[in-house]
C-alpha atoms as a PDB file:
ATOM      1  CA  UNK A   1       0.000   0.000   0.000  1.00  0.00           C
ATOM      2  CA  UNK A   2       1.229   3.454  -0.895  1.00  0.00           C
ATOM      3  CA  UNK A   3       2.128   5.771   1.961  1.00  0.00           C
ATOM      4  CA  UNK A   4       0.533   9.196   1.900  1.00  0.00           C
ATOM      5  CA  UNK A   5       1.806  12.203   3.790  1.00  0.00           C
ATOM      6  CA  UNK A   6      -0.353  15.203   4.561  1.00  0.00           C
ATOM      7  CA  UNK A   7       1.258  18.519   5.289  1.00  0.00           C
ATOM      8  CA  UNK A   8      -0.302  21.649   6.723  1.00  0.00           C
ATOM      9  CA  UNK A   9       0.258  24.784   4.674  1.00  0.00           C
ATOM     10  CA  UNK A  10       0.590  27.391   7.419  1.00  0.00           C
ATOM     11  CA  UNK A  11       0.830  30.191   4.838  1.00  0.00           C
ATOM     12  CA  UNK A  12      -2.941  29.793   4.311  1.00  0.00           C
ATOM     13  CA  UNK A  13      -3.860  30.031   8.011  1.00  0.00           C
ATOM     14  CA  UNK A  14      -4.884  33.682   7.970  1.00  0.00           C
ATOM     15  CA  UNK A  15      -6.901  33.517   4.736  1.00  0.00           C
ATOM     16  CA  UNK A  16      -8.713  30.419   6.027  1.00  0.00           C
ATOM     17  CA  UNK A  17      -9.478  32.191   9.300  1.00  0.00           C
ATOM     18  CA  UNK A  18     -10.901  35.165   7.393  1.00  0.00           C
ATOM     19  CA  UNK A  19     -12.956  32.964   5.104  1.00  0.00           C
ATOM     20  CA  UNK A  20     -14.219  30.514   7.740  1.00  0.00           C
ATOM     21  CA  UNK A  21     -13.718  32.556  10.903  1.00  0.00           C
ATOM     22  CA  UNK A  22     -17.149  31.947  12.393  1.00  0.00           C
ATOM     23  CA  UNK A  23     -16.479  28.211  12.291  1.00  0.00           C
ATOM     24  CA  UNK A  24     -12.887  28.315  13.457  1.00  0.00           C
ATOM     25  CA  UNK A  25     -13.240  29.177  17.143  1.00  0.00           C
ATOM     26  CA  UNK A  26      -9.839  27.952  18.245  1.00  0.00           C
ATOM     27  CA  UNK A  27      -6.448  27.883  16.656  1.00  0.00           C
ATOM     28  CA  UNK A  28      -4.758  24.488  16.683  1.00  0.00           C
ATOM     29  CA  UNK A  29      -1.021  24.391  17.074  1.00  0.00           C
ATOM     30  CA  UNK A  30       0.193  21.676  14.695  1.00  0.00           C
ATOM     31  CA  UNK A  31       3.684  20.260  14.848  1.00  0.00           C
ATOM     32  CA  UNK A  32       5.667  18.432  12.228  1.00  0.00           C
ATOM     33  CA  UNK A  33       6.195  15.213  14.125  1.00  0.00           C
ATOM     34  CA  UNK A  34       5.200  11.635  13.410  1.00  0.00           C
ATOM     35  CA  UNK A  35       1.670  10.678  14.454  1.00  0.00           C
ATOM     36  CA  UNK A  36       2.682   7.215  15.559  1.00  0.00           C
ATOM     37  CA  UNK A  37       1.652   3.799  14.313  1.00  0.00           C
ATOM     38  CA  UNK A  38      -1.114   4.015  11.735  1.00  0.00           C
ATOM     39  CA  UNK A  39      -3.136   0.975  10.805  1.00  0.00           C
ATOM     40  CA  UNK A  40      -4.894   0.871   7.430  1.00  0.00           C
ATOM     41  CA  UNK A  41      -8.183  -1.010   7.552  1.00  0.00           C
ATOM     42  CA  UNK A  42     -10.105  -2.560   4.673  1.00  0.00           C
ATOM     43  CA  UNK A  43     -13.010  -0.596   3.261  1.00  0.00           C
ATOM     44  CA  UNK A  44     -15.973  -2.322   4.912  1.00  0.00           C
ATOM     45  CA  UNK A  45     -18.698   0.151   3.961  1.00  0.00           C
ATOM     46  CA  UNK A  46     -21.188  -0.863   1.269  1.00  0.00           C
ATOM     47  CA  UNK A  47     -21.478   1.248  -1.870  1.00  0.00           C
ATOM     48  CA  UNK A  48     -24.047   4.055  -1.687  1.00  0.00           C
ATOM     49  CA  UNK A  49     -26.500   2.147  -3.882  1.00  0.00           C
ATOM     50  CA  UNK A  50     -26.789  -0.558  -1.251  1.00  0.00           C
ATOM     51  CA  UNK A  51     -27.592   1.960   1.468  1.00  0.00           C
ATOM     52  CA  UNK A  52     -30.856   2.953  -0.174  1.00  0.00           C
ATOM     53  CA  UNK A  53     -33.657   0.878   1.273  1.00  0.00           C
ATOM     54  CA  UNK A  54     -36.158   0.456  -1.539  1.00  0.00           C
ATOM     55  CA  UNK A  55     -39.349  -1.429  -1.171  1.00  0.00           C
ATOM     56  CA  UNK A  56     -42.261  -1.847  -3.547  1.00  0.00           C
ATOM     57  CA  UNK A  57     -44.719   0.859  -2.594  1.00  0.00           C
ATOM     58  CA  UNK A  58     -48.352   1.125  -3.603  1.00  0.00           C
ATOM     59  CA  UNK A  59     -50.012   4.532  -3.743  1.00  0.00           C
ATOM     60  CA  UNK A  60     -53.255   4.717  -1.797  1.00  0.00           C
ATOM     61  CA  UNK A  61     -55.646   7.450  -0.805  1.00  0.00           C
ATOM     62  CA  UNK A  62     -56.277   7.341   2.909  1.00  0.00           C
ATOM     63  CA  UNK A  63     -58.449   9.575   5.031  1.00  0.00           C
ATOM     64  CA  UNK A  64     -56.869  10.306   8.408  1.00  0.00           C
ATOM     65  CA  UNK A  65     -58.090  12.435  11.273  1.00  0.00           C
ATOM     66  CA  UNK A  66     -56.700  15.939  11.404  1.00  0.00           C
ATOM     67  CA  UNK A  67     -55.465  15.224  14.932  1.00  0.00           C
ATOM     68  CA  UNK A  68     -53.407  12.205  13.748  1.00  0.00           C
ATOM     69  CA  UNK A  69     -51.869  14.085  10.847  1.00  0.00           C
ATOM     70  CA  UNK A  70     -50.945  17.022  13.093  1.00  0.00           C
ATOM     71  CA  UNK A  71     -49.351  14.634  15.579  1.00  0.00           C
ATOM     72  CA  UNK A  72     -47.191  13.009  12.892  1.00  0.00           C
ATOM     73  CA  UNK A  73     -46.251  16.375  11.403  1.00  0.00           C
ATOM     74  CA  UNK A  74     -45.087  17.643  14.798  1.00  0.00           C
ATOM     75  CA  UNK A  75     -43.103  14.476  15.520  1.00  0.00           C
ATOM     76  CA  UNK A  76     -41.586  14.473  12.041  1.00  0.00           C
ATOM     77  CA  UNK A  77     -40.460  18.053  12.508  1.00  0.00           C
ATOM     78  CA  UNK A  78     -38.768  17.149  15.819  1.00  0.00           C
ATOM     79  CA  UNK A  79     -36.907  14.278  14.164  1.00  0.00           C
ATOM     80  CA  UNK A  80     -36.143  16.061  10.872  1.00  0.00           C
ATOM     81  CA  UNK A  81     -38.022  13.617   8.672  1.00  0.00           C
ATOM     82  CA  UNK A  82     -41.206  13.461   6.623  1.00  0.00           C
ATOM     83  CA  UNK A  83     -44.462  12.622   8.348  1.00  0.00           C
ATOM     84  CA  UNK A  84     -45.529  10.311   5.511  1.00  0.00           C
ATOM     85  CA  UNK A  85     -42.410   8.204   6.090  1.00  0.00           C
ATOM     86  CA  UNK A  86     -43.253   7.927   9.785  1.00  0.00           C
ATOM     87  CA  UNK A  87     -46.804   6.784   9.037  1.00  0.00           C
ATOM     88  CA  UNK A  88     -45.521   4.293   6.449  1.00  0.00           C
ATOM     89  CA  UNK A  89     -42.974   2.905   8.920  1.00  0.00           C
ATOM     90  CA  UNK A  90     -45.625   2.593  11.621  1.00  0.00           C
ATOM     91  CA  UNK A  91     -47.915   0.641   9.296  1.00  0.00           C
ATOM     92  CA  UNK A  92     -45.025  -1.577   8.152  1.00  0.00           C
ATOM     93  CA  UNK A  93     -44.131  -2.402  11.771  1.00  0.00           C
ATOM     94  CA  UNK A  94     -47.762  -3.147  12.616  1.00  0.00           C
ATOM     95  CA  UNK A  95     -48.141  -5.423   9.593  1.00  0.00           C
ATOM     96  CA  UNK A  96     -44.868  -7.250  10.337  1.00  0.00           C
ATOM     97  CA  UNK A  97     -45.890  -7.804  13.941  1.00  0.00           C
ATOM     98  CA  UNK A  98     -49.247  -9.302  13.020  1.00  0.00           C
ATOM     99  CA  UNK A  99     -48.159 -11.485  10.070  1.00  0.00           C
END
């Protein structure tokens, strides 16, 4: 395996601080010394295509109470997701449990 060395270009410190100052709260003091033993591990992550969980979906029209929809919308907002996904997941879990 090829060794790679990363070096910090300290000449760009000030311009980076100006550009990204609100994100750079502290200044790190880097030294040019070895970082110790480094172990390279195999890439164990699946490709992005395998991370997408696709299931056959069927479109349906469903009348729900306003109270239920408001509840799922509020919960979805708290968890940064879509309320339809939460309802779908709930129904999937219910169906799996009772199969």
